[in-house]
Amino acid sequence: MVATEVACLDVQSQADCFDAENALSWFLLTRLPNADRNDGQRIVRFYALRWRIERLHFTLKSGALNVEKRQFDDVHTLSNALTFYSVVAWQLLSLTDALRRTRNNPLRQCLNWMN
């Protein structure tokens, strides 16, 4: 399956920055059925969600939390710590996303979003 970029917005200015001559194309390999346009759109959404998962792992490992540097005495403590850090990383990513989406008054709108 081939997916081709058809639009692009600058996150900061919300301006259209799409350049048709330099549009990206992806060759997506999947075992999921791809019989019609709806199946294709669903598969592309799955690949887009993969990027969010990659950002979550980055935040956990080397981004903000440095979980790889933590050392624990037993598996139970490790499991509890990873559970806690995963929730913190998820909240950090949600807050980052909310800040990127709100240009006029990011702090006030993010605080309203959190309540």
PDB file of N, CA and C in Angstrom:
ATOM      1  N   MET A   1       0.840  -1.166   0.000  1.00  0.00           N
ATOM      2  CA  MET A   1       0.000   0.000   0.000  1.00  0.00           C
ATOM      3  C   MET A   1       0.890   1.235   0.000  1.00  0.00           C
ATOM      4  N   VAL A   2       0.506   2.260  -0.747  1.00  0.00           N
ATOM      5  CA  VAL A   2       1.250   3.512  -0.821  1.00  0.00           C
ATOM      6  C   VAL A   2       0.375   4.632  -0.261  1.00  0.00           C
ATOM      7  N   ALA A   3       0.935   5.407   0.674  1.00  0.00           N
ATOM      8  CA  ALA A   3       0.252   6.584   1.223  1.00  0.00           C
ATOM      9  C   ALA A   3       1.058   7.811   0.826  1.00  0.00           C
ATOM     10  N   THR A   4       0.400   8.827   0.291  1.00  0.00           N
ATOM     11  CA  THR A   4       1.067  10.044  -0.163  1.00  0.00           C
ATOM     12  C   THR A   4       0.528  11.241   0.606  1.00  0.00           C
ATOM     13  N   GLU A   5       1.442  12.097   1.024  1.00  0.00           N
ATOM     14  CA  GLU A   5       1.081  13.317   1.745  1.00  0.00           C
ATOM     15  C   GLU A   5       0.263  14.234   0.840  1.00  0.00           C
ATOM     16  N   VAL A   6      -0.847  14.763   1.376  1.00  0.00           N
ATOM     17  CA  VAL A   6      -1.713  15.651   0.592  1.00  0.00           C
ATOM     18  C   VAL A   6      -1.919  17.002   1.270  1.00  0.00           C
ATOM     19  N   ALA A   7      -1.449  17.162   2.508  1.00  0.00           N
ATOM     20  CA  ALA A   7      -1.601  18.433   3.223  1.00  0.00           C
ATOM     21  C   ALA A   7      -0.579  18.484   4.342  1.00  0.00           C
ATOM     22  N   CYS A   8      -0.280  19.705   4.787  1.00  0.00           N
ATOM     23  CA  CYS A   8       0.671  19.880   5.878  1.00  0.00           C
ATOM     24  C   CYS A   8       0.428  21.238   6.522  1.00  0.00           C
ATOM     25  N   LEU A   9       0.335  21.270   7.851  1.00  0.00           N
ATOM     26  CA  LEU A   9       0.182  22.516   8.586  1.00  0.00           C
ATOM     27  C   LEU A   9       1.368  22.696   9.511  1.00  0.00           C
ATOM     28  N   ASP A  10       1.883  23.909   9.578  1.00  0.00           N
ATOM     29  CA  ASP A  10       2.914  24.250  10.547  1.00  0.00           C
ATOM     30  C   ASP A  10       2.266  24.282  11.924  1.00  0.00           C
ATOM     31  N   VAL A  11       2.822  23.535  12.871  1.00  0.00           N
ATOM     32  CA  VAL A  11       2.223  23.422  14.201  1.00  0.00           C
ATOM     33  C   VAL A  11       2.183  24.776  14.894  1.00  0.00           C
ATOM     34  N   GLN A  12       3.238  25.559  14.765  1.00  0.00           N
ATOM     35  CA  GLN A  12       3.316  26.834  15.467  1.00  0.00           C
ATOM     36  C   GLN A  12       2.385  27.887  14.886  1.00  0.00           C
ATOM     37  N   SER A  13       2.441  28.088  13.582  1.00  0.00           N
ATOM     38  CA  SER A  13       1.693  29.193  12.964  1.00  0.00           C
ATOM     39  C   SER A  13       0.357  28.754  12.381  1.00  0.00           C
ATOM     40  N   GLN A  14       0.101  27.449  12.321  1.00  0.00           N
ATOM     41  CA  GLN A  14      -1.104  26.894  11.706  1.00  0.00           C
ATOM     42  C   GLN A  14      -1.230  27.289  10.232  1.00  0.00           C
ATOM     43  N   ALA A  15      -0.120  27.671   9.626  1.00  0.00           N
ATOM     44  CA  ALA A  15      -0.110  28.046   8.210  1.00  0.00           C
ATOM     45  C   ALA A  15       0.077  26.791   7.353  1.00  0.00           C
ATOM     46  N   ASP A  16      -0.488  26.818   6.186  1.00  0.00           N
ATOM     47  CA  ASP A  16      -0.348  25.719   5.243  1.00  0.00           C
ATOM     48  C   ASP A  16       1.072  25.727   4.689  1.00  0.00           C
ATOM     49  N   CYS A  17       1.816  24.651   4.898  1.00  0.00           N
ATOM     50  CA  CYS A  17       3.193  24.584   4.418  1.00  0.00           C
ATOM     51  C   CYS A  17       3.378  23.404   3.452  1.00  0.00           C
ATOM     52  N   PHE A  18       2.293  22.956   2.843  1.00  0.00           N
ATOM     53  CA  PHE A  18       2.344  21.819   1.929  1.00  0.00           C
ATOM     54  C   PHE A  18       3.043  22.216   0.634  1.00  0.00           C
ATOM     55  N   ASP A  19       3.971  21.378   0.197  1.00  0.00           N
ATOM     56  CA  ASP A  19       4.691  21.571  -1.050  1.00  0.00           C
ATOM     57  C   ASP A  19       4.482  20.311  -1.897  1.00  0.00           C
ATOM     58  N   ALA A  20       3.638  20.423  -2.915  1.00  0.00           N
ATOM     59  CA  ALA A  20       3.271  19.255  -3.726  1.00  0.00           C
ATOM     60  C   ALA A  20       4.477  18.615  -4.403  1.00  0.00           C
ATOM     61  N   GLU A  21       5.464  19.403  -4.758  1.00  0.00           N
ATOM     62  CA  GLU A  21       6.650  18.849  -5.433  1.00  0.00           C
ATOM     63  C   GLU A  21       7.490  17.995  -4.504  1.00  0.00           C
ATOM     64  N   ASN A  22       7.434  18.282  -3.215  1.00  0.00           N
ATOM     65  CA  ASN A  22       8.233  17.533  -2.246  1.00  0.00           C
ATOM     66  C   ASN A  22       7.362  16.698  -1.308  1.00  0.00           C
ATOM     67  N   ALA A  23       6.176  16.341  -1.759  1.00  0.00           N
ATOM     68  CA  ALA A  23       5.269  15.549  -0.929  1.00  0.00           C
ATOM     69  C   ALA A  23       5.882  14.188  -0.623  1.00  0.00           C
ATOM     70  N   LEU A  24       5.687  13.736   0.589  1.00  0.00           N
ATOM     71  CA  LEU A  24       6.225  12.451   1.007  1.00  0.00           C
ATOM     72  C   LEU A  24       5.303  11.313   0.594  1.00  0.00           C
ATOM     73  N   SER A  25       5.904  10.182   0.306  1.00  0.00           N
ATOM     74  CA  SER A  25       5.151   8.962   0.030  1.00  0.00           C
ATOM     75  C   SER A  25       5.711   7.847   0.895  1.00  0.00           C
ATOM     76  N   TRP A  26       4.825   7.033   1.432  1.00  0.00           N
ATOM     77  CA  TRP A  26       5.233   5.916   2.271  1.00  0.00           C
ATOM     78  C   TRP A  26       4.723   4.628   1.645  1.00  0.00           C
ATOM     79  N   PHE A  27       5.554   3.612   1.700  1.00  0.00           N
ATOM     80  CA  PHE A  27       5.149   2.264   1.319  1.00  0.00           C
ATOM     81  C   PHE A  27       4.870   1.528   2.624  1.00  0.00           C
ATOM     82  N   LEU A  28       3.604   1.267   2.896  1.00  0.00           N
ATOM     83  CA  LEU A  28       3.195   0.653   4.147  1.00  0.00           C
ATOM     84  C   LEU A  28       2.993  -0.842   3.942  1.00  0.00           C
ATOM     85  N   LEU A  29       3.701  -1.626   4.713  1.00  0.00           N
ATOM     86  CA  LEU A  29       3.587  -3.074   4.642  1.00  0.00           C
ATOM     87  C   LEU A  29       2.672  -3.538   5.766  1.00  0.00           C
ATOM     88  N   THR A  30       1.649  -4.303   5.431  1.00  0.00           N
ATOM     89  CA  THR A  30       0.712  -4.766   6.428  1.00  0.00           C
ATOM     90  C   THR A  30       0.092  -6.085   6.004  1.00  0.00           C
ATOM     91  N   ARG A  31      -0.367  -6.823   6.988  1.00  0.00           N
ATOM     92  CA  ARG A  31      -1.102  -8.051   6.716  1.00  0.00           C
ATOM     93  C   ARG A  31      -2.600  -7.824   6.872  1.00  0.00           C
ATOM     94  N   LEU A  32      -2.987  -6.596   7.217  1.00  0.00           N
ATOM     95  CA  LEU A  32      -4.400  -6.274   7.356  1.00  0.00           C
ATOM     96  C   LEU A  32      -5.055  -6.201   5.985  1.00  0.00           C
ATOM     97  N   PRO A  33      -6.347  -6.502   5.911  1.00  0.00           N
ATOM     98  CA  PRO A  33      -7.038  -6.414   4.617  1.00  0.00           C
ATOM     99  C   PRO A  33      -7.075  -4.976   4.116  1.00  0.00           C
ATOM    100  N   ASN A  34      -6.876  -4.818   2.822  1.00  0.00           N
ATOM    101  CA  ASN A  34      -6.845  -3.493   2.213  1.00  0.00           C
ATOM    102  C   ASN A  34      -7.690  -3.532   0.940  1.00  0.00           C
ATOM    103  N   ALA A  35      -8.987  -3.758   1.124  1.00  0.00           N
ATOM    104  CA  ALA A  35      -9.872  -3.955  -0.017  1.00  0.00           C
ATOM    105  C   ALA A  35     -10.418  -2.646  -0.578  1.00  0.00           C
ATOM    106  N   ASP A  36     -10.561  -1.642   0.276  1.00  0.00           N
ATOM    107  CA  ASP A  36     -11.150  -0.390  -0.205  1.00  0.00           C
ATOM    108  C   ASP A  36     -10.496   0.802   0.492  1.00  0.00           C
ATOM    109  N   ARG A  37     -10.998   1.984   0.172  1.00  0.00           N
ATOM    110  CA  ARG A  37     -10.427   3.231   0.695  1.00  0.00           C
ATOM    111  C   ARG A  37     -10.519   3.300   2.225  1.00  0.00           C
ATOM    112  N   ASN A  38     -11.626   2.834   2.798  1.00  0.00           N
ATOM    113  CA  ASN A  38     -11.779   2.863   4.255  1.00  0.00           C
ATOM    114  C   ASN A  38     -10.721   2.012   4.944  1.00  0.00           C
ATOM    115  N   ASP A  39     -10.439   0.844   4.387  1.00  0.00           N
ATOM    116  CA  ASP A  39      -9.376  -0.001   4.943  1.00  0.00           C
ATOM    117  C   ASP A  39      -8.032   0.714   4.877  1.00  0.00           C
ATOM    118  N   GLY A  40      -7.763   1.364   3.763  1.00  0.00           N
ATOM    119  CA  GLY A  40      -6.508   2.099   3.609  1.00  0.00           C
ATOM    120  C   GLY A  40      -6.381   3.233   4.609  1.00  0.00           C
ATOM    121  N   GLN A  41      -7.447   3.984   4.814  1.00  0.00           N
ATOM    122  CA  GLN A  41      -7.416   5.083   5.779  1.00  0.00           C
ATOM    123  C   GLN A  41      -7.206   4.565   7.196  1.00  0.00           C
ATOM    124  N   ARG A  42      -7.817   3.435   7.507  1.00  0.00           N
ATOM    125  CA  ARG A  42      -7.637   2.837   8.831  1.00  0.00           C
ATOM    126  C   ARG A  42      -6.184   2.428   9.045  1.00  0.00           C
ATOM    127  N   ILE A  43      -5.563   1.841   8.042  1.00  0.00           N
ATOM    128  CA  ILE A  43      -4.166   1.417   8.143  1.00  0.00           C
ATOM    129  C   ILE A  43      -3.243   2.629   8.308  1.00  0.00           C
ATOM    130  N   VAL A  44      -3.501   3.697   7.563  1.00  0.00           N
ATOM    131  CA  VAL A  44      -2.682   4.910   7.691  1.00  0.00           C
ATOM    132  C   VAL A  44      -2.824   5.482   9.098  1.00  0.00           C
ATOM    133  N   ARG A  45      -4.027   5.465   9.671  1.00  0.00           N
ATOM    134  CA  ARG A  45      -4.214   5.949  11.052  1.00  0.00           C
ATOM    135  C   ARG A  45      -3.409   5.105  12.035  1.00  0.00           C
ATOM    136  N   PHE A  46      -3.367   3.784  11.813  1.00  0.00           N
ATOM    137  CA  PHE A  46      -2.565   2.927  12.679  1.00  0.00           C
ATOM    138  C   PHE A  46      -1.092   3.332  12.635  1.00  0.00           C
ATOM    139  N   TYR A  47      -0.582   3.593  11.442  1.00  0.00           N
ATOM    140  CA  TYR A  47       0.808   4.004  11.316  1.00  0.00           C
ATOM    141  C   TYR A  47       1.044   5.365  11.969  1.00  0.00           C
ATOM    142  N   ALA A  48       0.067   6.275  11.881  1.00  0.00           N
ATOM    143  CA  ALA A  48       0.198   7.589  12.519  1.00  0.00           C
ATOM    144  C   ALA A  48       0.239   7.449  14.038  1.00  0.00           C
ATOM    145  N   LEU A  49      -0.552   6.538  14.576  1.00  0.00           N
ATOM    146  CA  LEU A  49      -0.535   6.315  16.023  1.00  0.00           C
ATOM    147  C   LEU A  49       0.790   5.731  16.485  1.00  0.00           C
ATOM    148  N   ARG A  50       1.462   5.021  15.609  1.00  0.00           N
ATOM    149  CA  ARG A  50       2.771   4.447  15.942  1.00  0.00           C
ATOM    150  C   ARG A  50       3.762   5.544  16.336  1.00  0.00           C
ATOM    151  N   TRP A  51       3.676   6.695  15.695  1.00  0.00           N
ATOM    152  CA  TRP A  51       4.579   7.804  16.024  1.00  0.00           C
ATOM    153  C   TRP A  51       4.350   8.254  17.459  1.00  0.00           C
ATOM    154  N   ARG A  52       3.106   8.296  17.904  1.00  0.00           N
ATOM    155  CA  ARG A  52       2.828   8.681  19.293  1.00  0.00           C
ATOM    156  C   ARG A  52       3.426   7.687  20.269  1.00  0.00           C
ATOM    157  N   ILE A  53       3.370   6.417  19.924  1.00  0.00           N
ATOM    158  CA  ILE A  53       3.969   5.397  20.779  1.00  0.00           C
ATOM    159  C   ILE A  53       5.485   5.586  20.842  1.00  0.00           C
ATOM    160  N   GLU A  54       6.092   5.907  19.706  1.00  0.00           N
ATOM    161  CA  GLU A  54       7.534   6.172  19.681  1.00  0.00           C
ATOM    162  C   GLU A  54       7.887   7.357  20.578  1.00  0.00           C
ATOM    163  N   ARG A  55       7.061   8.400  20.566  1.00  0.00           N
ATOM    164  CA  ARG A  55       7.303   9.572  21.417  1.00  0.00           C
ATOM    165  C   ARG A  55       7.151   9.207  22.896  1.00  0.00           C
ATOM    166  N   LEU A  56       6.202   8.334  23.216  1.00  0.00           N
ATOM    167  CA  LEU A  56       6.040   7.881  24.602  1.00  0.00           C
ATOM    168  C   LEU A  56       7.295   7.142  25.059  1.00  0.00           C
ATOM    169  N   HIS A  57       7.805   6.250  24.225  1.00  0.00           N
ATOM    170  CA  HIS A  57       9.034   5.529  24.578  1.00  0.00           C
ATOM    171  C   HIS A  57      10.213   6.478  24.715  1.00  0.00           C
ATOM    172  N   PHE A  58      10.310   7.469  23.833  1.00  0.00           N
ATOM    173  CA  PHE A  58      11.395   8.448  23.935  1.00  0.00           C
ATOM    174  C   PHE A  58      11.300   9.208  25.258  1.00  0.00           C
ATOM    175  N   THR A  59      10.103   9.643  25.627  1.00  0.00           N
ATOM    176  CA  THR A  59       9.911  10.383  26.880  1.00  0.00           C
ATOM    177  C   THR A  59      10.301   9.528  28.073  1.00  0.00           C
ATOM    178  N   LEU A  60       9.947   8.258  28.033  1.00  0.00           N
ATOM    179  CA  LEU A  60      10.304   7.356  29.125  1.00  0.00           C
ATOM    180  C   LEU A  60      11.807   7.109  29.196  1.00  0.00           C
ATOM    181  N   LYS A  61      12.404   6.794  28.046  1.00  0.00           N
ATOM    182  CA  LYS A  61      13.787   6.326  28.034  1.00  0.00           C
ATOM    183  C   LYS A  61      14.818   7.435  28.139  1.00  0.00           C
ATOM    184  N   SER A  62      14.805   8.354  27.199  1.00  0.00           N
ATOM    185  CA  SER A  62      15.886   9.338  27.170  1.00  0.00           C
ATOM    186  C   SER A  62      15.384  10.773  27.153  1.00  0.00           C
ATOM    187  N   GLY A  63      14.090  10.951  27.068  1.00  0.00           N
ATOM    188  CA  GLY A  63      13.531  12.294  27.039  1.00  0.00           C
ATOM    189  C   GLY A  63      13.540  12.925  28.420  1.00  0.00           C
ATOM    190  N   ALA A  64      12.402  12.988  29.048  1.00  0.00           N
ATOM    191  CA  ALA A  64      12.265  13.692  30.310  1.00  0.00           C
ATOM    192  C   ALA A  64      12.525  12.808  31.528  1.00  0.00           C
ATOM    193  N   LEU A  65      12.271  11.519  31.441  1.00  0.00           N
ATOM    194  CA  LEU A  65      12.244  10.688  32.641  1.00  0.00           C
ATOM    195  C   LEU A  65      13.470   9.808  32.856  1.00  0.00           C
ATOM    196  N   ASN A  66      14.215   9.503  31.827  1.00  0.00           N
ATOM    197  CA  ASN A  66      15.443   8.694  31.940  1.00  0.00           C
ATOM    198  C   ASN A  66      15.243   7.401  32.734  1.00  0.00           C
ATOM    199  N   VAL A  67      14.202   6.664  32.405  1.00  0.00           N
ATOM    200  CA  VAL A  67      13.893   5.430  33.119  1.00  0.00           C
ATOM    201  C   VAL A  67      15.010   4.410  32.978  1.00  0.00           C
ATOM    202  N   GLU A  68      15.724   4.432  31.864  1.00  0.00           N
ATOM    203  CA  GLU A  68      16.804   3.462  31.662  1.00  0.00           C
ATOM    204  C   GLU A  68      17.893   3.574  32.722  1.00  0.00           C
ATOM    205  N   LYS A  69      18.051   4.741  33.316  1.00  0.00           N
ATOM    206  CA  LYS A  69      19.106   4.940  34.319  1.00  0.00           C
ATOM    207  C   LYS A  69      18.673   4.534  35.728  1.00  0.00           C
ATOM    208  N   ARG A  70      17.387   4.246  35.907  1.00  0.00           N
ATOM    209  CA  ARG A  70      16.884   3.849  37.224  1.00  0.00           C
ATOM    210  C   ARG A  70      17.282   2.407  37.506  1.00  0.00           C
ATOM    211  N   GLN A  71      17.592   2.143  38.761  1.00  0.00           N
ATOM    212  CA  GLN A  71      17.937   0.782  39.160  1.00  0.00           C
ATOM    213  C   GLN A  71      17.086   0.390  40.353  1.00  0.00           C
ATOM    214  N   PHE A  72      16.474  -0.779  40.275  1.00  0.00           N
ATOM    215  CA  PHE A  72      15.574  -1.241  41.319  1.00  0.00           C
ATOM    216  C   PHE A  72      16.027  -2.603  41.827  1.00  0.00           C
ATOM    217  N   ASP A  73      15.664  -2.893  43.064  1.00  0.00           N
ATOM    218  CA  ASP A  73      16.111  -4.127  43.706  1.00  0.00           C
ATOM    219  C   ASP A  73      15.318  -5.367  43.285  1.00  0.00           C
ATOM    220  N   ASP A  74      14.048  -5.173  42.944  1.00  0.00           N
ATOM    221  CA  ASP A  74      13.237  -6.345  42.620  1.00  0.00           C
ATOM    222  C   ASP A  74      12.244  -6.019  41.510  1.00  0.00           C
ATOM    223  N   VAL A  75      11.628  -7.069  40.989  1.00  0.00           N
ATOM    224  CA  VAL A  75      10.711  -6.936  39.858  1.00  0.00           C
ATOM    225  C   VAL A  75       9.454  -6.161  40.252  1.00  0.00           C
ATOM    226  N   HIS A  76       8.972  -6.351  41.469  1.00  0.00           N
ATOM    227  CA  HIS A  76       7.764  -5.664  41.920  1.00  0.00           C
ATOM    228  C   HIS A  76       7.981  -4.143  41.920  1.00  0.00           C
ATOM    229  N   THR A  77       9.096  -3.699  42.440  1.00  0.00           N
ATOM    230  CA  THR A  77       9.406  -2.264  42.459  1.00  0.00           C
ATOM    231  C   THR A  77       9.567  -1.732  41.041  1.00  0.00           C
ATOM    232  N   LEU A  78      10.228  -2.501  40.184  1.00  0.00           N
ATOM    233  CA  LEU A  78      10.388  -2.118  38.786  1.00  0.00           C
ATOM    234  C   LEU A  78       9.024  -1.969  38.104  1.00  0.00           C
ATOM    235  N   SER A  79       8.150  -2.931  38.322  1.00  0.00           N
ATOM    236  CA  SER A  79       6.814  -2.888  37.724  1.00  0.00           C
ATOM    237  C   SER A  79       6.028  -1.659  38.194  1.00  0.00           C
ATOM    238  N   ASN A  80       6.062  -1.385  39.483  1.00  0.00           N
ATOM    239  CA  ASN A  80       5.372  -0.202  40.016  1.00  0.00           C
ATOM    240  C   ASN A  80       5.951   1.086  39.447  1.00  0.00           C
ATOM    241  N   ALA A  81       7.268   1.160  39.353  1.00  0.00           N
ATOM    242  CA  ALA A  81       7.918   2.364  38.826  1.00  0.00           C
ATOM    243  C   ALA A  81       7.565   2.581  37.360  1.00  0.00           C
ATOM    244  N   LEU A  82       7.604   1.514  36.570  1.00  0.00           N
ATOM    245  CA  LEU A  82       7.263   1.657  35.148  1.00  0.00           C
ATOM    246  C   LEU A  82       5.810   2.066  34.961  1.00  0.00           C
ATOM    247  N   THR A  83       4.936   1.552  35.804  1.00  0.00           N
ATOM    248  CA  THR A  83       3.529   1.955  35.741  1.00  0.00           C
ATOM    249  C   THR A  83       3.400   3.443  36.042  1.00  0.00           C
ATOM    250  N   PHE A  84       4.040   3.892  37.096  1.00  0.00           N
ATOM    251  CA  PHE A  84       3.987   5.310  37.467  1.00  0.00           C
ATOM    252  C   PHE A  84       4.598   6.193  36.379  1.00  0.00           C
ATOM    253  N   TYR A  85       5.791   5.838  35.925  1.00  0.00           N
ATOM    254  CA  TYR A  85       6.462   6.654  34.910  1.00  0.00           C
ATOM    255  C   TYR A  85       5.691   6.668  33.585  1.00  0.00           C
ATOM    256  N   SER A  86       5.006   5.590  33.266  1.00  0.00           N
ATOM    257  CA  SER A  86       4.203   5.565  32.035  1.00  0.00           C
ATOM    258  C   SER A  86       3.058   6.562  32.102  1.00  0.00           C
ATOM    259  N   VAL A  87       2.423   6.653  33.254  1.00  0.00           N
ATOM    260  CA  VAL A  87       1.337   7.628  33.425  1.00  0.00           C
ATOM    261  C   VAL A  87       1.894   9.053  33.342  1.00  0.00           C
ATOM    262  N   VAL A  88       3.037   9.286  33.965  1.00  0.00           N
ATOM    263  CA  VAL A  88       3.657  10.620  33.914  1.00  0.00           C
ATOM    264  C   VAL A  88       4.036  10.973  32.479  1.00  0.00           C
ATOM    265  N   ALA A  89       4.620  10.033  31.746  1.00  0.00           N
ATOM    266  CA  ALA A  89       5.007  10.285  30.353  1.00  0.00           C
ATOM    267  C   ALA A  89       3.778  10.576  29.500  1.00  0.00           C
ATOM    268  N   TRP A  90       2.704   9.824  29.711  1.00  0.00           N
ATOM    269  CA  TRP A  90       1.464  10.039  28.971  1.00  0.00           C
ATOM    270  C   TRP A  90       0.924  11.439  29.234  1.00  0.00           C
ATOM    271  N   GLN A  91       0.944  11.884  30.496  1.00  0.00           N
ATOM    272  CA  GLN A  91       0.457  13.225  30.836  1.00  0.00           C
ATOM    273  C   GLN A  91       1.359  14.303  30.236  1.00  0.00           C
ATOM    274  N   LEU A  92       2.672  14.084  30.239  1.00  0.00           N
ATOM    275  CA  LEU A  92       3.594  15.043  29.617  1.00  0.00           C
ATOM    276  C   LEU A  92       3.311  15.182  28.124  1.00  0.00           C
ATOM    277  N   LEU A  93       3.103  14.065  27.456  1.00  0.00           N
ATOM    278  CA  LEU A  93       2.801  14.112  26.032  1.00  0.00           C
ATOM    279  C   LEU A  93       1.458  14.775  25.763  1.00  0.00           C
ATOM    280  N   SER A  94       0.467  14.533  26.609  1.00  0.00           N
ATOM    281  CA  SER A  94      -0.836  15.177  26.452  1.00  0.00           C
ATOM    282  C   SER A  94      -0.724  16.681  26.633  1.00  0.00           C
ATOM    283  N   LEU A  95       0.035  17.106  27.630  1.00  0.00           N
ATOM    284  CA  LEU A  95       0.232  18.537  27.867  1.00  0.00           C
ATOM    285  C   LEU A  95       1.004  19.180  26.717  1.00  0.00           C
ATOM    286  N   THR A  96       2.020  18.497  26.216  1.00  0.00           N
ATOM    287  CA  THR A  96       2.775  19.003  25.074  1.00  0.00           C
ATOM    288  C   THR A  96       1.874  19.162  23.856  1.00  0.00           C
ATOM    289  N   ASP A  97       1.042  18.172  23.606  1.00  0.00           N
ATOM    290  CA  ASP A  97       0.112  18.241  22.479  1.00  0.00           C
ATOM    291  C   ASP A  97      -0.863  19.400  22.653  1.00  0.00           C
ATOM    292  N   ALA A  98      -1.382  19.583  23.861  1.00  0.00           N
ATOM    293  CA  ALA A  98      -2.322  20.684  24.115  1.00  0.00           C
ATOM    294  C   ALA A  98      -1.644  22.041  23.911  1.00  0.00           C
ATOM    295  N   LEU A  99      -0.396  22.162  24.333  1.00  0.00           N
ATOM    296  CA  LEU A  99       0.336  23.422  24.134  1.00  0.00           C
ATOM    297  C   LEU A  99       0.548  23.715  22.654  1.00  0.00           C
ATOM    298  N   ARG A 100       0.830  22.689  21.881  1.00  0.00           N
ATOM    299  CA  ARG A 100       1.046  22.887  20.448  1.00  0.00           C
ATOM    300  C   ARG A 100      -0.239  23.278  19.724  1.00  0.00           C
ATOM    301  N   ARG A 101      -1.368  22.824  20.232  1.00  0.00           N
ATOM    302  CA  ARG A 101      -2.647  23.098  19.579  1.00  0.00           C
ATOM    303  C   ARG A 101      -3.232  24.464  19.917  1.00  0.00           C
ATOM    304  N   THR A 102      -2.764  25.077  20.975  1.00  0.00           N
ATOM    305  CA  THR A 102      -3.324  26.361  21.403  1.00  0.00           C
ATOM    306  C   THR A 102      -2.280  27.452  21.236  1.00  0.00           C
ATOM    307  N   ARG A 103      -2.547  28.405  20.361  1.00  0.00           N
ATOM    308  CA  ARG A 103      -1.564  29.451  20.074  1.00  0.00           C
ATOM    309  C   ARG A 103      -1.821  30.728  20.848  1.00  0.00           C
ATOM    310  N   ASN A 104      -3.083  31.131  20.995  1.00  0.00           N
ATOM    311  CA  ASN A 104      -3.388  32.448  21.548  1.00  0.00           C
ATOM    312  C   ASN A 104      -2.980  32.595  23.004  1.00  0.00           C
ATOM    313  N   ASN A 105      -3.441  31.731  23.845  1.00  0.00           N
ATOM    314  CA  ASN A 105      -3.093  31.781  25.258  1.00  0.00           C
ATOM    315  C   ASN A 105      -2.897  30.358  25.755  1.00  0.00           C
ATOM    316  N   PRO A 106      -1.750  29.783  25.473  1.00  0.00           N
ATOM    317  CA  PRO A 106      -1.553  28.363  25.734  1.00  0.00           C
ATOM    318  C   PRO A 106      -1.736  27.969  27.193  1.00  0.00           C
ATOM    319  N   LEU A 107      -1.223  28.764  28.121  1.00  0.00           N
ATOM    320  CA  LEU A 107      -1.288  28.367  29.516  1.00  0.00           C
ATOM    321  C   LEU A 107      -2.732  28.304  29.995  1.00  0.00           C
ATOM    322  N   ARG A 108      -3.515  29.349  29.754  1.00  0.00           N
ATOM    323  CA  ARG A 108      -4.905  29.375  30.206  1.00  0.00           C
ATOM    324  C   ARG A 108      -5.702  28.246  29.556  1.00  0.00           C
ATOM    325  N   GLN A 109      -5.524  28.040  28.255  1.00  0.00           N
ATOM    326  CA  GLN A 109      -6.292  27.009  27.565  1.00  0.00           C
ATOM    327  C   GLN A 109      -5.880  25.619  28.028  1.00  0.00           C
ATOM    328  N   CYS A 110      -4.598  25.423  28.326  1.00  0.00           N
ATOM    329  CA  CYS A 110      -4.156  24.121  28.832  1.00  0.00           C
ATOM    330  C   CYS A 110      -4.703  23.873  30.217  1.00  0.00           C
ATOM    331  N   LEU A 111      -4.724  24.889  31.042  1.00  0.00           N
ATOM    332  CA  LEU A 111      -5.274  24.710  32.389  1.00  0.00           C
ATOM    333  C   LEU A 111      -6.764  24.404  32.311  1.00  0.00           C
ATOM    334  N   ASN A 112      -7.483  25.052  31.391  1.00  0.00           N
ATOM    335  CA  ASN A 112      -8.898  24.720  31.199  1.00  0.00           C
ATOM    336  C   ASN A 112      -9.048  23.295  30.685  1.00  0.00           C
ATOM    337  N   TRP A 113      -8.136  22.862  29.817  1.00  0.00           N
ATOM    338  CA  TRP A 113      -8.185  21.508  29.278  1.00  0.00           C
ATOM    339  C   TRP A 113      -7.974  20.465  30.381  1.00  0.00           C
ATOM    340  N   MET A 114      -7.105  20.785  31.334  1.00  0.00           N
ATOM    341  CA  MET A 114      -6.774  19.822  32.388  1.00  0.00           C
ATOM    342  C   MET A 114      -7.905  19.674  33.397  1.00  0.00           C
ATOM    343  N   ASN A 115      -8.763  20.670  33.514  1.00  0.00           N
ATOM    344  CA  ASN A 115      -9.861  20.584  34.519  1.00  0.00           C
ATOM    345  C   ASN A 115     -11.024  19.850  34.011  1.00  0.00           C
TER     346      ASN A 115
END
